[in-house]
Amino acid sequence: MSNSITADVFAALDILVLERLDFGRFRITGTPPDWLQLFCRHQVKSGMQILIPQQEFPFLENFLIDAEELWNRNDKNQLKSGIWYQLDLSGKEYHFEATAIYVQDTKILLIKLLHEEFE
C-alpha cells in the first residue's frame, strides 16, 4: 500500500497522525482529517510543524509525559490516553482518544475522533 493511500485511510478513519520532532513539536503526517480545522485557529496541512497538542488539545499535556517515556525506551507497545472531550472553536463538544506508538525509529502520536465507539 502506498504512503498516500495509507494517509487517506487514516484521514477517512478520523485519525490525525503526528510525528514527534522535539519535545512539544510535531509534524502533521499524511492527510489531516477534516475535523482538525475545527480546533485550529490557523490553516493546517500535511507536513506542517505544529505545537499540537499543547495549544489545541491541552488535555494531552500530561499524556505526553508518559508518551515521552515510551518513546525514549523505544518501546514497541502502544500507550492510550483514555477518552477525553474537547470543545471546538464554536463550542461544540467532541470526544477523542490518543495513542502513542514507536514505529521504525519514529515517535508517533495518533489522535482519533470518536463517534460510535464513544457512545
PDB file of N, CA and C in Angstrom:
ATOM      1  N   MET A   1       0.857  -1.169   0.000  1.00  0.00           N
ATOM      2  CA  MET A   1       0.000   0.000   0.000  1.00  0.00           C
ATOM      3  C   MET A   1       0.905   1.235   0.000  1.00  0.00           C
ATOM      4  N   SER A   2       0.582   2.191  -0.825  1.00  0.00           N
ATOM      5  CA  SER A   2       1.417   3.390  -0.926  1.00  0.00           C
ATOM      6  C   SER A   2       1.173   4.317   0.258  1.00  0.00           C
ATOM      7  N   ASN A   3       2.131   5.218   0.489  1.00  0.00           N
ATOM      8  CA  ASN A   3       2.017   6.161   1.604  1.00  0.00           C
ATOM      9  C   ASN A   3       0.815   7.075   1.458  1.00  0.00           C
ATOM     10  N   SER A   4       0.473   7.493   0.226  1.00  0.00           N
ATOM     11  CA  SER A   4      -0.669   8.390   0.065  1.00  0.00           C
ATOM     12  C   SER A   4      -1.981   7.677   0.369  1.00  0.00           C
ATOM     13  N   ILE A   5      -2.075   6.403   0.005  1.00  0.00           N
ATOM     14  CA  ILE A   5      -3.281   5.631   0.336  1.00  0.00           C
ATOM     15  C   ILE A   5      -3.371   5.456   1.844  1.00  0.00           C
ATOM     16  N   THR A   6      -2.251   5.134   2.471  1.00  0.00           N
ATOM     17  CA  THR A   6      -2.239   4.979   3.926  1.00  0.00           C
ATOM     18  C   THR A   6      -2.678   6.270   4.598  1.00  0.00           C
ATOM     19  N   ALA A   7      -2.161   7.398   4.136  1.00  0.00           N
ATOM     20  CA  ALA A   7      -2.537   8.695   4.705  1.00  0.00           C
ATOM     21  C   ALA A   7      -4.031   8.944   4.552  1.00  0.00           C
ATOM     22  N   ASP A   8      -4.569   8.613   3.393  1.00  0.00           N
ATOM     23  CA  ASP A   8      -6.002   8.806   3.159  1.00  0.00           C
ATOM     24  C   ASP A   8      -6.842   7.878   4.030  1.00  0.00           C
ATOM     25  N   VAL A   9      -6.335   6.653   4.285  1.00  0.00           N
ATOM     26  CA  VAL A   9      -7.054   5.715   5.152  1.00  0.00           C
ATOM     27  C   VAL A   9      -7.148   6.282   6.567  1.00  0.00           C
ATOM     28  N   PHE A  10      -6.030   6.781   7.101  1.00  0.00           N
ATOM     29  CA  PHE A  10      -6.065   7.382   8.438  1.00  0.00           C
ATOM     30  C   PHE A  10      -7.051   8.548   8.482  1.00  0.00           C
ATOM     31  N   ALA A  11      -7.037   9.413   7.494  1.00  0.00           N
ATOM     32  CA  ALA A  11      -7.952  10.553   7.463  1.00  0.00           C
ATOM     33  C   ALA A  11      -9.405  10.083   7.393  1.00  0.00           C
ATOM     34  N   ALA A  12      -9.670   9.045   6.592  1.00  0.00           N
ATOM     35  CA  ALA A  12     -11.034   8.511   6.481  1.00  0.00           C
ATOM     36  C   ALA A  12     -11.509   7.921   7.798  1.00  0.00           C
ATOM     37  N   LEU A  13     -10.556   7.423   8.615  1.00  0.00           N
ATOM     38  CA  LEU A  13     -10.900   6.875   9.929  1.00  0.00           C
ATOM     39  C   LEU A  13     -10.927   7.949  11.011  1.00  0.00           C
ATOM     40  N   ASP A  14     -10.806   9.219  10.607  1.00  0.00           N
ATOM     41  CA  ASP A  14     -10.802  10.366  11.525  1.00  0.00           C
ATOM     42  C   ASP A  14      -9.635  10.315  12.515  1.00  0.00           C
ATOM     43  N   ILE A  15      -8.475   9.878  12.015  1.00  0.00           N
ATOM     44  CA  ILE A  15      -7.275   9.793  12.844  1.00  0.00           C
ATOM     45  C   ILE A  15      -6.241  10.794  12.328  1.00  0.00           C
ATOM     46  N   LEU A  16      -5.798  11.649  13.229  1.00  0.00           N
ATOM     47  CA  LEU A  16      -4.711  12.584  12.936  1.00  0.00           C
ATOM     48  C   LEU A  16      -3.401  11.891  13.273  1.00  0.00           C
ATOM     49  N   VAL A  17      -2.454  11.887  12.341  1.00  0.00           N
ATOM     50  CA  VAL A  17      -1.153  11.267  12.553  1.00  0.00           C
ATOM     51  C   VAL A  17      -0.124  12.377  12.715  1.00  0.00           C
ATOM     52  N   LEU A  18       0.539  12.390  13.881  1.00  0.00           N
ATOM     53  CA  LEU A  18       1.558  13.386  14.183  1.00  0.00           C
ATOM     54  C   LEU A  18       2.876  12.693  14.459  1.00  0.00           C
ATOM     55  N   GLU A  19       3.929  13.181  13.853  1.00  0.00           N
ATOM     56  CA  GLU A  19       5.276  12.689  14.132  1.00  0.00           C
ATOM     57  C   GLU A  19       5.931  13.640  15.119  1.00  0.00           C
ATOM     58  N   ARG A  20       6.406  13.093  16.230  1.00  0.00           N
ATOM     59  CA  ARG A  20       7.055  13.924  17.235  1.00  0.00           C
ATOM     60  C   ARG A  20       8.454  14.270  16.757  1.00  0.00           C
ATOM     61  N   LEU A  21       8.756  15.570  16.701  1.00  0.00           N
ATOM     62  CA  LEU A  21      10.059  16.044  16.250  1.00  0.00           C
ATOM     63  C   LEU A  21      10.962  16.344  17.441  1.00  0.00           C
ATOM     64  N   ASP A  22      10.503  17.185  18.317  1.00  0.00           N
ATOM     65  CA  ASP A  22      11.173  17.570  19.560  1.00  0.00           C
ATOM     66  C   ASP A  22      10.095  17.602  20.622  1.00  0.00           C
ATOM     67  N   PHE A  23      10.523  17.777  21.861  1.00  0.00           N
ATOM     68  CA  PHE A  23       9.532  17.874  22.934  1.00  0.00           C
ATOM     69  C   PHE A  23       8.598  19.049  22.633  1.00  0.00           C
ATOM     70  N   GLY A  24       7.303  18.741  22.485  1.00  0.00           N
ATOM     71  CA  GLY A  24       6.294  19.763  22.227  1.00  0.00           C
ATOM     72  C   GLY A  24       6.104  20.132  20.773  1.00  0.00           C
ATOM     73  N   ARG A  25       6.905  19.610  19.872  1.00  0.00           N
ATOM     74  CA  ARG A  25       6.768  19.936  18.445  1.00  0.00           C
ATOM     75  C   ARG A  25       6.466  18.670  17.656  1.00  0.00           C
ATOM     76  N   PHE A  26       5.483  18.802  16.771  1.00  0.00           N
ATOM     77  CA  PHE A  26       5.043  17.675  15.956  1.00  0.00           C
ATOM     78  C   PHE A  26       4.900  18.121  14.509  1.00  0.00           C
ATOM     79  N   ARG A  27       4.924  17.142  13.601  1.00  0.00           N
ATOM     80  CA  ARG A  27       4.657  17.403  12.193  1.00  0.00           C
ATOM     81  C   ARG A  27       3.433  16.595  11.802  1.00  0.00           C
ATOM     82  N   ILE A  28       2.516  17.238  11.104  1.00  0.00           N
ATOM     83  CA  ILE A  28       1.354  16.527  10.577  1.00  0.00           C
ATOM     84  C   ILE A  28       1.848  15.608   9.468  1.00  0.00           C
ATOM     85  N   THR A  29       1.557  14.327   9.625  1.00  0.00           N
ATOM     86  CA  THR A  29       1.982  13.332   8.650  1.00  0.00           C
ATOM     87  C   THR A  29       0.763  12.852   7.888  1.00  0.00           C
ATOM     88  N   GLY A  30       0.859  12.844   6.594  1.00  0.00           N
ATOM     89  CA  GLY A  30      -0.261  12.388   5.785  1.00  0.00           C
ATOM     90  C   GLY A  30      -1.345  13.437   5.685  1.00  0.00           C
ATOM     91  N   THR A  31      -2.512  12.985   5.373  1.00  0.00           N
ATOM     92  CA  THR A  31      -3.664  13.857   5.170  1.00  0.00           C
ATOM     93  C   THR A  31      -4.331  14.155   6.507  1.00  0.00           C
ATOM     94  N   PRO A  32      -4.388  15.425   6.914  1.00  0.00           N
ATOM     95  CA  PRO A  32      -5.079  15.708   8.178  1.00  0.00           C
ATOM     96  C   PRO A  32      -6.588  15.506   8.015  1.00  0.00           C
ATOM     97  N   PRO A  33      -7.235  14.909   9.010  1.00  0.00           N
ATOM     98  CA  PRO A  33      -8.693  14.734   8.913  1.00  0.00           C
ATOM     99  C   PRO A  33      -9.397  16.094   8.938  1.00  0.00           C
ATOM    100  N   ASP A  34     -10.572  16.147   8.349  1.00  0.00           N
ATOM    101  CA  ASP A  34     -11.324  17.397   8.242  1.00  0.00           C
ATOM    102  C   ASP A  34     -11.598  18.047   9.598  1.00  0.00           C
ATOM    103  N   TRP A  35     -11.810  17.231  10.633  1.00  0.00           N
ATOM    104  CA  TRP A  35     -12.177  17.785  11.934  1.00  0.00           C
ATOM    105  C   TRP A  35     -11.070  18.638  12.556  1.00  0.00           C
ATOM    106  N   LEU A  36      -9.823  18.448  12.154  1.00  0.00           N
ATOM    107  CA  LEU A  36      -8.725  19.182  12.781  1.00  0.00           C
ATOM    108  C   LEU A  36      -8.911  20.688  12.645  1.00  0.00           C
ATOM    109  N   GLN A  37      -9.400  21.125  11.501  1.00  0.00           N
ATOM    110  CA  GLN A  37      -9.564  22.567  11.284  1.00  0.00           C
ATOM    111  C   GLN A  37     -10.598  23.170  12.238  1.00  0.00           C
ATOM    112  N   LEU A  38     -11.494  22.351  12.784  1.00  0.00           N
ATOM    113  CA  LEU A  38     -12.483  22.850  13.740  1.00  0.00           C
ATOM    114  C   LEU A  38     -11.842  23.290  15.054  1.00  0.00           C
ATOM    115  N   PHE A  39     -10.604  22.874  15.306  1.00  0.00           N
ATOM    116  CA  PHE A  39      -9.931  23.155  16.571  1.00  0.00           C
ATOM    117  C   PHE A  39      -8.737  24.095  16.422  1.00  0.00           C
ATOM    118  N   CYS A  40      -8.354  24.394  15.201  1.00  0.00           N
ATOM    119  CA  CYS A  40      -7.151  25.197  14.958  1.00  0.00           C
ATOM    120  C   CYS A  40      -7.526  26.571  14.417  1.00  0.00           C
ATOM    121  N   ARG A  41      -6.936  27.575  14.996  1.00  0.00           N
ATOM    122  CA  ARG A  41      -7.199  28.950  14.558  1.00  0.00           C
ATOM    123  C   ARG A  41      -6.476  29.291  13.264  1.00  0.00           C
ATOM    124  N   HIS A  42      -5.479  28.502  12.899  1.00  0.00           N
ATOM    125  CA  HIS A  42      -4.725  28.736  11.667  1.00  0.00           C
ATOM    126  C   HIS A  42      -4.947  27.557  10.720  1.00  0.00           C
ATOM    127  N   GLN A  43      -4.675  27.768   9.449  1.00  0.00           N
ATOM    128  CA  GLN A  43      -4.821  26.712   8.444  1.00  0.00           C
ATOM    129  C   GLN A  43      -3.785  25.618   8.688  1.00  0.00           C
ATOM    130  N   VAL A  44      -4.196  24.358   8.610  1.00  0.00           N
ATOM    131  CA  VAL A  44      -3.278  23.233   8.802  1.00  0.00           C
ATOM    132  C   VAL A  44      -3.208  22.411   7.520  1.00  0.00           C
ATOM    133  N   LYS A  45      -2.015  21.826   7.287  1.00  0.00           N
ATOM    134  CA  LYS A  45      -1.836  20.978   6.107  1.00  0.00           C
ATOM    135  C   LYS A  45      -0.758  19.947   6.386  1.00  0.00           C
ATOM    136  N   SER A  46      -0.696  18.966   5.551  1.00  0.00           N
ATOM    137  CA  SER A  46       0.278  17.889   5.684  1.00  0.00           C
ATOM    138  C   SER A  46       1.690  18.442   5.645  1.00  0.00           C
ATOM    139  N   GLY A  47       2.555  17.883   6.510  1.00  0.00           N
ATOM    140  CA  GLY A  47       3.944  18.299   6.563  1.00  0.00           C
ATOM    141  C   GLY A  47       4.209  19.506   7.436  1.00  0.00           C
ATOM    142  N   MET A  48       3.150  20.156   7.864  1.00  0.00           N
ATOM    143  CA  MET A  48       3.278  21.362   8.681  1.00  0.00           C
ATOM    144  C   MET A  48       3.767  21.010  10.081  1.00  0.00           C
ATOM    145  N   GLN A  49       4.686  21.811  10.629  1.00  0.00           N
ATOM    146  CA  GLN A  49       5.129  21.632  12.005  1.00  0.00           C
ATOM    147  C   GLN A  49       4.222  22.462  12.907  1.00  0.00           C
ATOM    148  N   ILE A  50       3.780  21.829  13.991  1.00  0.00           N
ATOM    149  CA  ILE A  50       2.820  22.485  14.879  1.00  0.00           C
ATOM    150  C   ILE A  50       3.140  22.171  16.333  1.00  0.00           C
ATOM    151  N   LEU A  51       2.518  22.921  17.215  1.00  0.00           N
ATOM    152  CA  LEU A  51       2.662  22.702  18.649  1.00  0.00           C
ATOM    153  C   LEU A  51       1.461  21.953  19.201  1.00  0.00           C
ATOM    154  N   ILE A  52       0.845  21.145  18.370  1.00  0.00           N
ATOM    155  CA  ILE A  52      -0.225  20.290  18.854  1.00  0.00           C
ATOM    156  C   ILE A  52       0.443  19.213  19.674  1.00  0.00           C
ATOM    157  N   PRO A  53      -0.067  18.793  20.755  1.00  0.00           N
ATOM    158  CA  PRO A  53      -1.408  19.085  21.260  1.00  0.00           C
ATOM    159  C   PRO A  53      -1.445  20.182  22.308  1.00  0.00           C
ATOM    160  N   GLN A  54      -0.312  20.714  22.695  1.00  0.00           N
ATOM    161  CA  GLN A  54      -0.305  21.662  23.797  1.00  0.00           C
ATOM    162  C   GLN A  54      -1.250  22.838  23.569  1.00  0.00           C
ATOM    163  N   GLN A  55      -1.294  23.383  22.363  1.00  0.00           N
ATOM    164  CA  GLN A  55      -2.150  24.528  22.111  1.00  0.00           C
ATOM    165  C   GLN A  55      -3.590  24.133  21.835  1.00  0.00           C
ATOM    166  N   GLU A  56      -3.774  23.167  20.971  1.00  0.00           N
ATOM    167  CA  GLU A  56      -5.125  22.824  20.517  1.00  0.00           C
ATOM    168  C   GLU A  56      -5.819  21.785  21.391  1.00  0.00           C
ATOM    169  N   PHE A  57      -5.050  20.911  22.042  1.00  0.00           N
ATOM    170  CA  PHE A  57      -5.603  19.843  22.859  1.00  0.00           C
ATOM    171  C   PHE A  57      -4.897  19.808  24.218  1.00  0.00           C
ATOM    172  N   PRO A  58      -5.206  20.738  25.106  1.00  0.00           N
ATOM    173  CA  PRO A  58      -4.488  20.836  26.376  1.00  0.00           C
ATOM    174  C   PRO A  58      -4.575  19.581  27.238  1.00  0.00           C
ATOM    175  N   PHE A  59      -5.612  18.775  27.069  1.00  0.00           N
ATOM    176  CA  PHE A  59      -5.747  17.541  27.849  1.00  0.00           C
ATOM    177  C   PHE A  59      -4.512  16.659  27.690  1.00  0.00           C
ATOM    178  N   LEU A  60      -3.911  16.681  26.520  1.00  0.00           N
ATOM    179  CA  LEU A  60      -2.815  15.765  26.226  1.00  0.00           C
ATOM    180  C   LEU A  60      -1.488  16.170  26.850  1.00  0.00           C
ATOM    181  N   GLU A  61      -1.421  17.322  27.471  1.00  0.00           N
ATOM    182  CA  GLU A  61      -0.152  17.772  28.039  1.00  0.00           C
ATOM    183  C   GLU A  61       0.431  16.734  29.006  1.00  0.00           C
ATOM    184  N   ASN A  62      -0.376  16.228  29.921  1.00  0.00           N
ATOM    185  CA  ASN A  62       0.104  15.208  30.860  1.00  0.00           C
ATOM    186  C   ASN A  62       0.340  13.864  30.179  1.00  0.00           C
ATOM    187  N   PHE A  63      -0.500  13.520  29.223  1.00  0.00           N
ATOM    188  CA  PHE A  63      -0.321  12.267  28.497  1.00  0.00           C
ATOM    189  C   PHE A  63       1.028  12.233  27.784  1.00  0.00           C
ATOM    190  N   LEU A  64       1.464  13.369  27.287  1.00  0.00           N
ATOM    191  CA  LEU A  64       2.733  13.416  26.558  1.00  0.00           C
ATOM    192  C   LEU A  64       3.934  13.112  27.449  1.00  0.00           C
ATOM    193  N   ILE A  65       3.801  13.351  28.743  1.00  0.00           N
ATOM    194  CA  ILE A  65       4.881  12.985  29.670  1.00  0.00           C
ATOM    195  C   ILE A  65       5.070  11.471  29.645  1.00  0.00           C
ATOM    196  N   ASP A  66       3.966  10.732  29.738  1.00  0.00           N
ATOM    197  CA  ASP A  66       4.034   9.270  29.677  1.00  0.00           C
ATOM    198  C   ASP A  66       4.463   8.795  28.286  1.00  0.00           C
ATOM    199  N   ALA A  67       3.987   9.482  27.256  1.00  0.00           N
ATOM    200  CA  ALA A  67       4.363   9.109  25.886  1.00  0.00           C
ATOM    201  C   ALA A  67       5.867   9.274  25.684  1.00  0.00           C
ATOM    202  N   GLU A  68       6.434  10.333  26.243  1.00  0.00           N
ATOM    203  CA  GLU A  68       7.887  10.552  26.125  1.00  0.00           C
ATOM    204  C   GLU A  68       8.660   9.373  26.725  1.00  0.00           C
ATOM    205  N   GLU A  69       8.183   8.868  27.848  1.00  0.00           N
ATOM    206  CA  GLU A  69       8.843   7.708  28.465  1.00  0.00           C
ATOM    207  C   GLU A  69       8.799   6.506  27.528  1.00  0.00           C
ATOM    208  N   LEU A  70       7.646   6.240  26.930  1.00  0.00           N
ATOM    209  CA  LEU A  70       7.505   5.132  25.983  1.00  0.00           C
ATOM    210  C   LEU A  70       8.440   5.329  24.802  1.00  0.00           C
ATOM    211  N   TRP A  71       8.438   6.527  24.224  1.00  0.00           N
ATOM    212  CA  TRP A  71       9.272   6.797  23.054  1.00  0.00           C
ATOM    213  C   TRP A  71      10.759   6.692  23.391  1.00  0.00           C
ATOM    214  N   ASN A  72      11.158   7.194  24.550  1.00  0.00           N
ATOM    215  CA  ASN A  72      12.573   7.168  24.927  1.00  0.00           C
ATOM    216  C   ASN A  72      13.085   5.752  25.177  1.00  0.00           C
ATOM    217  N   ARG A  73      12.190   4.850  25.546  1.00  0.00           N
ATOM    218  CA  ARG A  73      12.567   3.440  25.740  1.00  0.00           C
ATOM    219  C   ARG A  73      12.533   2.658  24.429  1.00  0.00           C
ATOM    220  N   ASN A  74      12.108   3.322  23.340  1.00  0.00           N
ATOM    221  CA  ASN A  74      11.921   2.632  22.054  1.00  0.00           C
ATOM    222  C   ASN A  74      10.987   1.450  22.220  1.00  0.00           C
ATOM    223  N   ASP A  75       9.996   1.625  23.064  1.00  0.00           N
ATOM    224  CA  ASP A  75       9.038   0.582  23.411  1.00  0.00           C
ATOM    225  C   ASP A  75       8.101   0.331  22.236  1.00  0.00           C
ATOM    226  N   LYS A  76       7.936  -0.920  21.858  1.00  0.00           N
ATOM    227  CA  LYS A  76       7.077  -1.277  20.720  1.00  0.00           C
ATOM    228  C   LYS A  76       5.599  -1.391  21.109  1.00  0.00           C
ATOM    229  N   ASN A  77       5.301  -1.243  22.397  1.00  0.00           N
ATOM    230  CA  ASN A  77       3.904  -1.264  22.833  1.00  0.00           C
ATOM    231  C   ASN A  77       3.245   0.056  22.477  1.00  0.00           C
ATOM    232  N   GLN A  78       1.946   0.130  22.706  1.00  0.00           N
ATOM    233  CA  GLN A  78       1.241   1.383  22.495  1.00  0.00           C
ATOM    234  C   GLN A  78       0.702   1.881  23.825  1.00  0.00           C
ATOM    235  N   LEU A  79       0.586   3.186  23.928  1.00  0.00           N
ATOM    236  CA  LEU A  79       0.069   3.822  25.130  1.00  0.00           C
ATOM    237  C   LEU A  79      -1.160   4.620  24.738  1.00  0.00           C
ATOM    238  N   LYS A  80      -2.277   4.367  25.423  1.00  0.00           N
ATOM    239  CA  LYS A  80      -3.527   5.078  25.125  1.00  0.00           C
ATOM    240  C   LYS A  80      -3.798   6.119  26.204  1.00  0.00           C
ATOM    241  N   SER A  81      -4.383   7.222  25.780  1.00  0.00           N
ATOM    242  CA  SER A  81      -4.651   8.345  26.683  1.00  0.00           C
ATOM    243  C   SER A  81      -5.903   8.149  27.521  1.00  0.00           C
ATOM    244  N   GLY A  82      -6.809   7.337  27.050  1.00  0.00           N
ATOM    245  CA  GLY A  82      -8.151   7.325  27.612  1.00  0.00           C
ATOM    246  C   GLY A  82      -8.970   8.377  26.867  1.00  0.00           C
ATOM    247  N   ILE A  83     -10.263   8.335  27.046  1.00  0.00           N
ATOM    248  CA  ILE A  83     -11.168   9.229  26.315  1.00  0.00           C
ATOM    249  C   ILE A  83     -11.240  10.580  27.013  1.00  0.00           C
ATOM    250  N   TRP A  84     -11.212  11.630  26.227  1.00  0.00           N
ATOM    251  CA  TRP A  84     -11.427  12.983  26.753  1.00  0.00           C
ATOM    252  C   TRP A  84     -12.312  13.742  25.786  1.00  0.00           C
ATOM    253  N   TYR A  85     -12.866  14.851  26.264  1.00  0.00           N
ATOM    254  CA  TYR A  85     -13.668  15.677  25.370  1.00  0.00           C
ATOM    255  C   TYR A  85     -12.987  17.018  25.185  1.00  0.00           C
ATOM    256  N   GLN A  86     -13.295  17.625  24.064  1.00  0.00           N
ATOM    257  CA  GLN A  86     -12.712  18.903  23.695  1.00  0.00           C
ATOM    258  C   GLN A  86     -13.792  19.711  22.995  1.00  0.00           C
ATOM    259  N   LEU A  87     -13.841  21.001  23.286  1.00  0.00           N
ATOM    260  CA  LEU A  87     -14.760  21.890  22.586  1.00  0.00           C
ATOM    261  C   LEU A  87     -14.057  22.462  21.366  1.00  0.00           C
ATOM    262  N   ASP A  88     -14.774  22.485  20.233  1.00  0.00           N
ATOM    263  CA  ASP A  88     -14.182  23.098  19.045  1.00  0.00           C
ATOM    264  C   ASP A  88     -14.277  24.616  19.159  1.00  0.00           C
ATOM    265  N   LEU A  89     -13.846  25.322  18.141  1.00  0.00           N
ATOM    266  CA  LEU A  89     -13.820  26.788  18.189  1.00  0.00           C
ATOM    267  C   LEU A  89     -15.209  27.396  18.318  1.00  0.00           C
ATOM    268  N   SER A  90     -16.240  26.643  17.919  1.00  0.00           N
ATOM    269  CA  SER A  90     -17.610  27.151  18.037  1.00  0.00           C
ATOM    270  C   SER A  90     -18.291  26.716  19.331  1.00  0.00           C
ATOM    271  N   GLY A  91     -17.605  25.888  20.148  1.00  0.00           N
ATOM    272  CA  GLY A  91     -18.160  25.440  21.420  1.00  0.00           C
ATOM    273  C   GLY A  91     -18.827  24.078  21.385  1.00  0.00           C
ATOM    274  N   LYS A  92     -18.785  23.397  20.246  1.00  0.00           N
ATOM    275  CA  LYS A  92     -19.380  22.060  20.136  1.00  0.00           C
ATOM    276  C   LYS A  92     -18.422  21.037  20.741  1.00  0.00           C
ATOM    277  N   GLU A  93     -18.975  20.046  21.461  1.00  0.00           N
ATOM    278  CA  GLU A  93     -18.179  19.041  22.163  1.00  0.00           C
ATOM    279  C   GLU A  93     -17.889  17.834  21.265  1.00  0.00           C
ATOM    280  N   TYR A  94     -16.625  17.411  21.289  1.00  0.00           N
ATOM    281  CA  TYR A  94     -16.186  16.221  20.574  1.00  0.00           C
ATOM    282  C   TYR A  94     -15.387  15.352  21.536  1.00  0.00           C
ATOM    283  N   HIS A  95     -15.349  14.056  21.258  1.00  0.00           N
ATOM    284  CA  HIS A  95     -14.609  13.112  22.106  1.00  0.00           C
ATOM    285  C   HIS A  95     -13.469  12.485  21.314  1.00  0.00           C
ATOM    286  N   PHE A  96     -12.342  12.291  22.007  1.00  0.00           N
ATOM    287  CA  PHE A  96     -11.124  11.812  21.367  1.00  0.00           C
ATOM    288  C   PHE A  96     -10.434  10.762  22.220  1.00  0.00           C
ATOM    289  N   GLU A  97      -9.521  10.038  21.577  1.00  0.00           N
ATOM    290  CA  GLU A  97      -8.562   9.188  22.280  1.00  0.00           C
ATOM    291  C   GLU A  97      -7.249   9.270  21.508  1.00  0.00           C
ATOM    292  N   ALA A  98      -6.153   9.346  22.236  1.00  0.00           N
ATOM    293  CA  ALA A  98      -4.837   9.406  21.610  1.00  0.00           C
ATOM    294  C   ALA A  98      -4.074   8.122  21.891  1.00  0.00           C
ATOM    295  N   THR A  99      -3.171   7.804  20.978  1.00  0.00           N
ATOM    296  CA  THR A  99      -2.297   6.647  21.124  1.00  0.00           C
ATOM    297  C   THR A  99      -0.881   7.070  20.759  1.00  0.00           C
ATOM    298  N   ALA A 100       0.059   6.742  21.635  1.00  0.00           N
ATOM    299  CA  ALA A 100       1.476   6.968  21.354  1.00  0.00           C
ATOM    300  C   ALA A 100       2.084   5.637  20.957  1.00  0.00           C
ATOM    301  N   ILE A 101       2.819   5.631  19.853  1.00  0.00           N
ATOM    302  CA  ILE A 101       3.495   4.425  19.385  1.00  0.00           C
ATOM    303  C   ILE A 101       4.883   4.791  18.873  1.00  0.00           C
ATOM    304  N   TYR A 102       5.752   3.793  18.834  1.00  0.00           N
ATOM    305  CA  TYR A 102       7.106   3.954  18.313  1.00  0.00           C
ATOM    306  C   TYR A 102       7.260   2.962  17.171  1.00  0.00           C
ATOM    307  N   VAL A 103       7.388   3.468  15.936  1.00  0.00           N
ATOM    308  CA  VAL A 103       7.416   2.615  14.750  1.00  0.00           C
ATOM    309  C   VAL A 103       8.587   3.024  13.863  1.00  0.00           C
ATOM    310  N   GLN A 104       9.433   2.077  13.512  1.00  0.00           N
ATOM    311  CA  GLN A 104      10.563   2.316  12.613  1.00  0.00           C
ATOM    312  C   GLN A 104      11.359   3.556  13.033  1.00  0.00           C
ATOM    313  N   ASP A 105      11.745   3.606  14.300  1.00  0.00           N
ATOM    314  CA  ASP A 105      12.531   4.705  14.858  1.00  0.00           C
ATOM    315  C   ASP A 105      11.823   6.056  14.779  1.00  0.00           C
ATOM    316  N   THR A 106      10.508   6.039  14.720  1.00  0.00           N
ATOM    317  CA  THR A 106       9.720   7.264  14.633  1.00  0.00           C
ATOM    318  C   THR A 106       8.717   7.292  15.783  1.00  0.00           C
ATOM    319  N   LYS A 107       8.642   8.441  16.438  1.00  0.00           N
ATOM    320  CA  LYS A 107       7.709   8.646  17.547  1.00  0.00           C
ATOM    321  C   LYS A 107       6.414   9.215  16.971  1.00  0.00           C
ATOM    322  N   ILE A 108       5.330   8.458  17.130  1.00  0.00           N
ATOM    323  CA  ILE A 108       4.059   8.799  16.504  1.00  0.00           C
ATOM    324  C   ILE A 108       2.991   9.027  17.570  1.00  0.00           C
ATOM    325  N   LEU A 109       2.194  10.075  17.361  1.00  0.00           N
ATOM    326  CA  LEU A 109       1.023  10.343  18.177  1.00  0.00           C
ATOM    327  C   LEU A 109      -0.188  10.314  17.261  1.00  0.00           C
ATOM    328  N   LEU A 110      -1.108   9.413  17.549  1.00  0.00           N
ATOM    329  CA  LEU A 110      -2.357   9.304  16.799  1.00  0.00           C
ATOM    330  C   LEU A 110      -3.468   9.920  17.641  1.00  0.00           C
ATOM    331  N   ILE A 111      -4.263  10.785  17.049  1.00  0.00           N
ATOM    332  CA  ILE A 111      -5.408  11.361  17.745  1.00  0.00           C
ATOM    333  C   ILE A 111      -6.642  10.991  16.946  1.00  0.00           C
ATOM    334  N   LYS A 112      -7.550  10.240  17.587  1.00  0.00           N
ATOM    335  CA  LYS A 112      -8.743   9.731  16.901  1.00  0.00           C
ATOM    336  C   LYS A 112      -9.987  10.422  17.417  1.00  0.00           C
ATOM    337  N   LEU A 113     -10.784  10.922  16.477  1.00  0.00           N
ATOM    338  CA  LEU A 113     -12.107  11.441  16.809  1.00  0.00           C
ATOM    339  C   LEU A 113     -13.027  10.245  16.983  1.00  0.00           C
ATOM    340  N   LEU A 114     -13.698  10.178  18.121  1.00  0.00           N
ATOM    341  CA  LEU A 114     -14.578   9.054  18.428  1.00  0.00           C
ATOM    342  C   LEU A 114     -16.013   9.389  18.027  1.00  0.00           C
ATOM    343  N   HIS A 115     -16.661   8.413  17.440  1.00  0.00           N
ATOM    344  CA  HIS A 115     -18.067   8.552  17.059  1.00  0.00           C
ATOM    345  C   HIS A 115     -18.855   7.509  17.821  1.00  0.00           C
ATOM    346  N   GLU A 116     -19.188   6.421  17.140  1.00  0.00           N
ATOM    347  CA  GLU A 116     -19.964   5.345  17.726  1.00  0.00           C
ATOM    348  C   GLU A 116     -19.212   4.676  18.870  1.00  0.00           C
ATOM    349  N   GLU A 117     -17.864   4.641  18.785  1.00  0.00           N
ATOM    350  CA  GLU A 117     -17.078   3.983  19.828  1.00  0.00           C
ATOM    351  C   GLU A 117     -17.357   4.592  21.190  1.00  0.00           C
ATOM    352  N   PHE A 118     -17.521   5.893  21.221  1.00  0.00           N
ATOM    353  CA  PHE A 118     -17.721   6.588  22.481  1.00  0.00           C
ATOM    354  C   PHE A 118     -19.106   6.300  23.039  1.00  0.00           C
ATOM    355  N   GLU A 119     -20.102   6.344  22.174  1.00  0.00           N
ATOM    356  CA  GLU A 119     -21.479   6.168  22.625  1.00  0.00           C
ATOM    357  C   GLU A 119     -21.709   4.745  23.047  1.00  0.00           C
TER     358      GLU A 119
END
